Amino acid sequence: MYCRRRRRRWLRLAGFVLTAVVVLLYVLERTLRPSLEAVIRHTIQIRATEAINRAILERVAGSVRYEDLYLVRTNQ
């Protein structure tokens, strides 16, 4: 009989700990999600900008000269 009580106590404790862990993970997920989504969105924007800049540099670097980008006019 003592062994059954002991086992029940451990099962209750394990159930409580498991429930507490699940609730804690749920609360963390709900509170951290907006921040994580903002960080991910920002990271994606940075990588997309870098990819666009890299593509432009590859395309422009070989065919455009520096002199083609500006026009100097002087007064008399």
PDB file of N, CA and C in Angstrom:
ATOM      1  N   MET A   1       0.822  -1.182   0.000  1.00  0.00           N
ATOM      2  CA  MET A   1       0.000   0.000   0.000  1.00  0.00           C
ATOM      3  C   MET A   1       0.874   1.257   0.000  1.00  0.00           C
ATOM      4  N   TYR A   2       1.980   1.217   0.712  1.00  0.00           N
ATOM      5  CA  TYR A   2       2.880   2.360   0.771  1.00  0.00           C
ATOM      6  C   TYR A   2       3.471   2.637  -0.615  1.00  0.00           C
ATOM      7  N   CYS A   3       3.743   1.575  -1.369  1.00  0.00           N
ATOM      8  CA  CYS A   3       4.334   1.704  -2.696  1.00  0.00           C
ATOM      9  C   CYS A   3       3.345   2.376  -3.658  1.00  0.00           C
ATOM     10  N   ARG A   4       2.049   2.055  -3.528  1.00  0.00           N
ATOM     11  CA  ARG A   4       1.034   2.670  -4.387  1.00  0.00           C
ATOM     12  C   ARG A   4       0.928   4.167  -4.123  1.00  0.00           C
ATOM     13  N   ARG A   5       0.955   4.542  -2.861  1.00  0.00           N
ATOM     14  CA  ARG A   5       0.884   5.973  -2.514  1.00  0.00           C
ATOM     15  C   ARG A   5       2.096   6.716  -3.081  1.00  0.00           C
ATOM     16  N   ARG A   6       3.214   6.090  -2.933  1.00  0.00           N
ATOM     17  CA  ARG A   6       4.445   6.699  -3.429  1.00  0.00           C
ATOM     18  C   ARG A   6       4.390   6.864  -4.954  1.00  0.00           C
ATOM     19  N   ARG A   7       3.913   5.850  -5.633  1.00  0.00           N
ATOM     20  CA  ARG A   7       3.804   5.896  -7.083  1.00  0.00           C
ATOM     21  C   ARG A   7       2.787   6.953  -7.505  1.00  0.00           C
ATOM     22  N   ARG A   8       1.670   7.055  -6.824  1.00  0.00           N
ATOM     23  CA  ARG A   8       0.661   8.066  -7.129  1.00  0.00           C
ATOM     24  C   ARG A   8       1.232   9.471  -6.934  1.00  0.00           C
ATOM     25  N   ARG A   9       1.982   9.613  -5.841  1.00  0.00           N
ATOM     26  CA  ARG A   9       2.580  10.918  -5.570  1.00  0.00           C
ATOM     27  C   ARG A   9       3.526  11.312  -6.694  1.00  0.00           C
ATOM     28  N   TRP A  10       4.364  10.367  -7.152  1.00  0.00           N
ATOM     29  CA  TRP A  10       5.281  10.657  -8.252  1.00  0.00           C
ATOM     30  C   TRP A  10       4.532  10.932  -9.546  1.00  0.00           C
ATOM     31  N   LEU A  11       3.452  10.192  -9.791  1.00  0.00           N
ATOM     32  CA  LEU A  11       2.659  10.427 -10.997  1.00  0.00           C
ATOM     33  C   LEU A  11       2.001  11.809 -10.956  1.00  0.00           C
ATOM     34  N   ARG A  12       1.492  12.205  -9.803  1.00  0.00           N
ATOM     35  CA  ARG A  12       0.903  13.537  -9.665  1.00  0.00           C
ATOM     36  C   ARG A  12       1.962  14.612  -9.896  1.00  0.00           C
ATOM     37  N   LEU A  13       3.129  14.400  -9.284  1.00  0.00           N
ATOM     38  CA  LEU A  13       4.210  15.359  -9.452  1.00  0.00           C
ATOM     39  C   LEU A  13       4.645  15.442 -10.919  1.00  0.00           C
ATOM     40  N   ALA A  14       4.773  14.302 -11.563  1.00  0.00           N
ATOM     41  CA  ALA A  14       5.158  14.288 -12.974  1.00  0.00           C
ATOM     42  C   ALA A  14       4.089  14.979 -13.825  1.00  0.00           C
ATOM     43  N   GLY A  15       2.824  14.725 -13.526  1.00  0.00           N
ATOM     44  CA  GLY A  15       1.742  15.388 -14.248  1.00  0.00           C
ATOM     45  C   GLY A  15       1.767  16.892 -14.042  1.00  0.00           C
ATOM     46  N   PHE A  16       2.017  17.313 -12.823  1.00  0.00           N
ATOM     47  CA  PHE A  16       2.088  18.738 -12.527  1.00  0.00           C
ATOM     48  C   PHE A  16       3.251  19.393 -13.264  1.00  0.00           C
ATOM     49  N   VAL A  17       4.409  18.745 -13.221  1.00  0.00           N
ATOM     50  CA  VAL A  17       5.594  19.290 -13.896  1.00  0.00           C
ATOM     51  C   VAL A  17       5.354  19.356 -15.406  1.00  0.00           C
ATOM     52  N   LEU A  18       4.784  18.326 -15.965  1.00  0.00           N
ATOM     53  CA  LEU A  18       4.500  18.305 -17.399  1.00  0.00           C
ATOM     54  C   LEU A  18       3.519  19.415 -17.774  1.00  0.00           C
ATOM     55  N   THR A  19       2.481  19.583 -16.985  1.00  0.00           N
ATOM     56  CA  THR A  19       1.508  20.647 -17.234  1.00  0.00           C
ATOM     57  C   THR A  19       2.161  22.019 -17.112  1.00  0.00           C
ATOM     58  N   ALA A  20       2.996  22.200 -16.113  1.00  0.00           N
ATOM     59  CA  ALA A  20       3.678  23.474 -15.922  1.00  0.00           C
ATOM     60  C   ALA A  20       4.602  23.776 -17.097  1.00  0.00           C
ATOM     61  N   VAL A  21       5.299  22.778 -17.594  1.00  0.00           N
ATOM     62  CA  VAL A  21       6.196  22.979 -18.734  1.00  0.00           C
ATOM     63  C   VAL A  21       5.394  23.352 -19.980  1.00  0.00           C
ATOM     64  N   VAL A  22       4.286  22.683 -20.208  1.00  0.00           N
ATOM     65  CA  VAL A  22       3.453  22.986 -21.375  1.00  0.00           C
ATOM     66  C   VAL A  22       2.898  24.404 -21.286  1.00  0.00           C
ATOM     67  N   VAL A  23       2.429  24.798 -20.126  1.00  0.00           N
ATOM     68  CA  VAL A  23       1.895  26.151 -19.949  1.00  0.00           C
ATOM     69  C   VAL A  23       3.006  27.179 -20.131  1.00  0.00           C
ATOM     70  N   LEU A  24       4.176  26.928 -19.582  1.00  0.00           N
ATOM     71  CA  LEU A  24       5.302  27.841 -19.719  1.00  0.00           C
ATOM     72  C   LEU A  24       5.704  28.006 -21.187  1.00  0.00           C
ATOM     73  N   LEU A  25       5.785  26.909 -21.914  1.00  0.00           N
ATOM     74  CA  LEU A  25       6.128  26.994 -23.334  1.00  0.00           C
ATOM     75  C   LEU A  25       5.069  27.756 -24.121  1.00  0.00           C
ATOM     76  N   TYR A  26       3.816  27.558 -23.786  1.00  0.00           N
ATOM     77  CA  TYR A  26       2.733  28.271 -24.467  1.00  0.00           C
ATOM     78  C   TYR A  26       2.837  29.774 -24.211  1.00  0.00           C
ATOM     79  N   VAL A  27       3.067  30.153 -22.965  1.00  0.00           N
ATOM     80  CA  VAL A  27       3.181  31.582 -22.624  1.00  0.00           C
ATOM     81  C   VAL A  27       4.402  32.195 -23.309  1.00  0.00           C
ATOM     82  N   LEU A  28       5.537  31.500 -23.299  1.00  0.00           N
ATOM     83  CA  LEU A  28       6.728  32.006 -23.976  1.00  0.00           C
ATOM     84  C   LEU A  28       6.489  32.178 -25.466  1.00  0.00           C
ATOM     85  N   GLU A  29       5.835  31.224 -26.065  1.00  0.00           N
ATOM     86  CA  GLU A  29       5.564  31.299 -27.494  1.00  0.00           C
ATOM     87  C   GLU A  29       4.665  32.486 -27.815  1.00  0.00           C
ATOM     88  N   ARG A  30       3.656  32.706 -26.994  1.00  0.00           N
ATOM     89  CA  ARG A  30       2.731  33.819 -27.224  1.00  0.00           C
ATOM     90  C   ARG A  30       3.398  35.173 -27.020  1.00  0.00           C
ATOM     91  N   THR A  31       4.322  35.273 -26.088  1.00  0.00           N
ATOM     92  CA  THR A  31       4.950  36.561 -25.816  1.00  0.00           C
ATOM     93  C   THR A  31       6.124  36.843 -26.752  1.00  0.00           C
ATOM     94  N   LEU A  32       6.831  35.815 -27.193  1.00  0.00           N
ATOM     95  CA  LEU A  32       8.005  36.021 -28.029  1.00  0.00           C
ATOM     96  C   LEU A  32       7.704  36.059 -29.522  1.00  0.00           C
ATOM     97  N   ARG A  33       6.568  35.541 -29.934  1.00  0.00           N
ATOM     98  CA  ARG A  33       6.249  35.457 -31.358  1.00  0.00           C
ATOM     99  C   ARG A  33       6.324  36.805 -32.074  1.00  0.00           C
ATOM    100  N   PRO A  34       5.704  37.877 -31.581  1.00  0.00           N
ATOM    101  CA  PRO A  34       5.776  39.152 -32.306  1.00  0.00           C
ATOM    102  C   PRO A  34       7.215  39.659 -32.482  1.00  0.00           C
ATOM    103  N   SER A  35       8.019  39.517 -31.456  1.00  0.00           N
ATOM    104  CA  SER A  35       9.415  39.958 -31.562  1.00  0.00           C
ATOM    105  C   SER A  35      10.185  39.116 -32.567  1.00  0.00           C
ATOM    106  N   LEU A  36      10.009  37.822 -32.505  1.00  0.00           N
ATOM    107  CA  LEU A  36      10.706  36.943 -33.445  1.00  0.00           C
ATOM    108  C   LEU A  36      10.276  37.211 -34.875  1.00  0.00           C
ATOM    109  N   GLU A  37       8.985  37.438 -35.099  1.00  0.00           N
ATOM    110  CA  GLU A  37       8.512  37.737 -36.445  1.00  0.00           C
ATOM    111  C   GLU A  37       9.103  39.042 -36.955  1.00  0.00           C
ATOM    112  N   ALA A  38       9.242  40.043 -36.095  1.00  0.00           N
ATOM    113  CA  ALA A  38       9.838  41.310 -36.507  1.00  0.00           C
ATOM    114  C   ALA A  38      11.309  41.126 -36.881  1.00  0.00           C
ATOM    115  N   VAL A  39      12.028  40.360 -36.089  1.00  0.00           N
ATOM    116  CA  VAL A  39      13.441  40.103 -36.385  1.00  0.00           C
ATOM    117  C   VAL A  39      13.577  39.343 -37.700  1.00  0.00           C
ATOM    118  N   ILE A  40      12.748  38.357 -37.900  1.00  0.00           N
ATOM    119  CA  ILE A  40      12.801  37.566 -39.136  1.00  0.00           C
ATOM    120  C   ILE A  40      12.463  38.441 -40.336  1.00  0.00           C
ATOM    121  N   ARG A  41      11.434  39.273 -40.209  1.00  0.00           N
ATOM    122  CA  ARG A  41      11.043  40.159 -41.300  1.00  0.00           C
ATOM    123  C   ARG A  41      12.193  41.110 -41.652  1.00  0.00           C
ATOM    124  N   HIS A  42      12.846  41.655 -40.645  1.00  0.00           N
ATOM    125  CA  HIS A  42      13.970  42.570 -40.862  1.00  0.00           C
ATOM    126  C   HIS A  42      15.138  41.851 -41.537  1.00  0.00           C
ATOM    127  N   THR A  43      15.438  40.648 -41.093  1.00  0.00           N
ATOM    128  CA  THR A  43      16.528  39.867 -41.682  1.00  0.00           C
ATOM    129  C   THR A  43      16.247  39.564 -43.150  1.00  0.00           C
ATOM    130  N   ILE A  44      15.026  39.203 -43.459  1.00  0.00           N
ATOM    131  CA  ILE A  44      14.660  38.916 -44.847  1.00  0.00           C
ATOM    132  C   ILE A  44      14.808  40.163 -45.701  1.00  0.00           C
ATOM    133  N   GLN A  45      14.399  41.314 -45.185  1.00  0.00           N
ATOM    134  CA  GLN A  45      14.514  42.563 -45.934  1.00  0.00           C
ATOM    135  C   GLN A  45      15.978  42.892 -46.208  1.00  0.00           C
ATOM    136  N   ILE A  46      16.834  42.702 -45.217  1.00  0.00           N
ATOM    137  CA  ILE A  46      18.268  42.970 -45.399  1.00  0.00           C
ATOM    138  C   ILE A  46      18.845  42.048 -46.467  1.00  0.00           C
ATOM    139  N   ARG A  47      18.529  40.775 -46.406  1.00  0.00           N
ATOM    140  CA  ARG A  47      19.076  39.823 -47.381  1.00  0.00           C
ATOM    141  C   ARG A  47      18.557  40.105 -48.785  1.00  0.00           C
ATOM    142  N   ALA A  48      17.307  40.491 -48.899  1.00  0.00           N
ATOM    143  CA  ALA A  48      16.768  40.831 -50.216  1.00  0.00           C
ATOM    144  C   ALA A  48      17.464  42.063 -50.779  1.00  0.00           C
ATOM    145  N   THR A  49      17.690  43.068 -49.949  1.00  0.00           N
ATOM    146  CA  THR A  49      18.388  44.275 -50.391  1.00  0.00           C
ATOM    147  C   THR A  49      19.813  43.947 -50.823  1.00  0.00           C
ATOM    148  N   GLU A  50      20.491  43.115 -50.069  1.00  0.00           N
ATOM    149  CA  GLU A  50      21.851  42.715 -50.432  1.00  0.00           C
ATOM    150  C   GLU A  50      21.863  41.974 -51.760  1.00  0.00           C
ATOM    151  N   ALA A  51      20.894  41.097 -51.986  1.00  0.00           N
ATOM    152  CA  ALA A  51      20.827  40.352 -53.242  1.00  0.00           C
ATOM    153  C   ALA A  51      20.577  41.294 -54.418  1.00  0.00           C
ATOM    154  N   ILE A  52      19.688  42.253 -54.237  1.00  0.00           N
ATOM    155  CA  ILE A  52      19.414  43.225 -55.299  1.00  0.00           C
ATOM    156  C   ILE A  52      20.662  44.054 -55.587  1.00  0.00           C
ATOM    157  N   ASN A  53      21.329  44.531 -54.547  1.00  0.00           N
ATOM    158  CA  ASN A  53      22.546  45.315 -54.736  1.00  0.00           C
ATOM    159  C   ASN A  53      23.630  44.510 -55.440  1.00  0.00           C
ATOM    160  N   ARG A  54      23.782  43.263 -55.073  1.00  0.00           N
ATOM    161  CA  ARG A  54      24.780  42.392 -55.700  1.00  0.00           C
ATOM    162  C   ARG A  54      24.467  42.208 -57.182  1.00  0.00           C
ATOM    163  N   ALA A  55      23.189  41.980 -57.508  1.00  0.00           N
ATOM    164  CA  ALA A  55      22.801  41.796 -58.906  1.00  0.00           C
ATOM    165  C   ALA A  55      23.041  43.064 -59.711  1.00  0.00           C
ATOM    166  N   ILE A  56      22.728  44.211 -59.143  1.00  0.00           N
ATOM    167  CA  ILE A  56      22.954  45.479 -59.839  1.00  0.00           C
ATOM    168  C   ILE A  56      24.442  45.706 -60.065  1.00  0.00           C
ATOM    169  N   LEU A  57      25.253  45.441 -59.033  1.00  0.00           N
ATOM    170  CA  LEU A  57      26.702  45.619 -59.190  1.00  0.00           C
ATOM    171  C   LEU A  57      27.273  44.709 -60.281  1.00  0.00           C
ATOM    172  N   GLU A  58      26.820  43.481 -60.336  1.00  0.00           N
ATOM    173  CA  GLU A  58      27.312  42.552 -61.352  1.00  0.00           C
ATOM    174  C   GLU A  58      26.928  43.030 -62.744  1.00  0.00           C
ATOM    175  N   ARG A  59      25.751  43.559 -62.868  1.00  0.00           N
ATOM    176  CA  ARG A  59      25.252  44.007 -64.168  1.00  0.00           C
ATOM    177  C   ARG A  59      25.893  45.329 -64.592  1.00  0.00           C
ATOM    178  N   VAL A  60      26.001  46.264 -63.674  1.00  0.00           N
ATOM    179  CA  VAL A  60      26.466  47.607 -63.993  1.00  0.00           C
ATOM    180  C   VAL A  60      27.993  47.698 -64.010  1.00  0.00           C
ATOM    181  N   ALA A  61      28.655  46.958 -63.163  1.00  0.00           N
ATOM    182  CA  ALA A  61      30.101  47.102 -62.999  1.00  0.00           C
ATOM    183  C   ALA A  61      30.862  46.856 -64.296  1.00  0.00           C
ATOM    184  N   GLY A  62      30.417  45.956 -65.118  1.00  0.00           N
ATOM    185  CA  GLY A  62      31.146  45.640 -66.349  1.00  0.00           C
ATOM    186  C   GLY A  62      30.803  46.541 -67.514  1.00  0.00           C
ATOM    187  N   SER A  63      29.635  47.153 -67.523  1.00  0.00           N
ATOM    188  CA  SER A  63      29.208  47.867 -68.718  1.00  0.00           C
ATOM    189  C   SER A  63      29.150  49.385 -68.573  1.00  0.00           C
ATOM    190  N   VAL A  64      29.150  49.903 -67.382  1.00  0.00           N
ATOM    191  CA  VAL A  64      29.019  51.337 -67.193  1.00  0.00           C
ATOM    192  C   VAL A  64      30.331  51.897 -66.664  1.00  0.00           C
ATOM    193  N   ARG A  65      30.767  52.991 -67.276  1.00  0.00           N
ATOM    194  CA  ARG A  65      31.974  53.658 -66.803  1.00  0.00           C
ATOM    195  C   ARG A  65      31.571  54.781 -65.864  1.00  0.00           C
ATOM    196  N   TYR A  66      32.529  55.208 -65.078  1.00  0.00           N
ATOM    197  CA  TYR A  66      32.273  56.276 -64.122  1.00  0.00           C
ATOM    198  C   TYR A  66      31.877  57.561 -64.852  1.00  0.00           C
ATOM    199  N   GLU A  67      32.481  57.815 -65.985  1.00  0.00           N
ATOM    200  CA  GLU A  67      32.188  59.024 -66.754  1.00  0.00           C
ATOM    201  C   GLU A  67      30.758  59.035 -67.283  1.00  0.00           C
ATOM    202  N   ASP A  68      30.162  57.876 -67.442  1.00  0.00           N
ATOM    203  CA  ASP A  68      28.778  57.792 -67.925  1.00  0.00           C
ATOM    204  C   ASP A  68      27.771  58.191 -66.851  1.00  0.00           C
ATOM    205  N   LEU A  69      28.193  58.259 -65.620  1.00  0.00           N
ATOM    206  CA  LEU A  69      27.267  58.509 -64.524  1.00  0.00           C
ATOM    207  C   LEU A  69      27.113  59.982 -64.162  1.00  0.00           C
ATOM    208  N   TYR A  70      27.970  60.828 -64.702  1.00  0.00           N
ATOM    209  CA  TYR A  70      27.861  62.241 -64.354  1.00  0.00           C
ATOM    210  C   TYR A  70      28.192  63.112 -65.568  1.00  0.00           C
ATOM    211  N   LEU A  71      27.751  64.344 -65.510  1.00  0.00           N
ATOM    212  CA  LEU A  71      28.028  65.316 -66.561  1.00  0.00           C
ATOM    213  C   LEU A  71      28.490  66.591 -65.879  1.00  0.00           C
ATOM    214  N   VAL A  72      29.673  67.026 -66.237  1.00  0.00           N
ATOM    215  CA  VAL A  72      30.217  68.228 -65.629  1.00  0.00           C
ATOM    216  C   VAL A  72      30.006  69.393 -66.602  1.00  0.00           C
ATOM    217  N   ARG A  73      29.398  70.442 -66.107  1.00  0.00           N
ATOM    218  CA  ARG A  73      29.214  71.659 -66.890  1.00  0.00           C
ATOM    219  C   ARG A  73      29.857  72.801 -66.121  1.00  0.00           C
ATOM    220  N   THR A  74      30.547  73.607 -66.818  1.00  0.00           N
ATOM    221  CA  THR A  74      31.182  74.751 -66.172  1.00  0.00           C
ATOM    222  C   THR A  74      30.700  76.042 -66.824  1.00  0.00           C
ATOM    223  N   ASN A  75      30.753  77.093 -66.077  1.00  0.00           N
ATOM    224  CA  ASN A  75      30.431  78.412 -66.611  1.00  0.00           C
ATOM    225  C   ASN A  75      31.615  78.937 -67.404  1.00  0.00           C
ATOM    226  N   GLN A  76      31.374  80.036 -68.087  1.00  0.00           N
ATOM    227  CA  GLN A  76      32.439  80.612 -68.904  1.00  0.00           C
ATOM    228  C   GLN A  76      33.568  80.966 -68.011  1.00  0.00           C
TER     229      GLN A  76
END
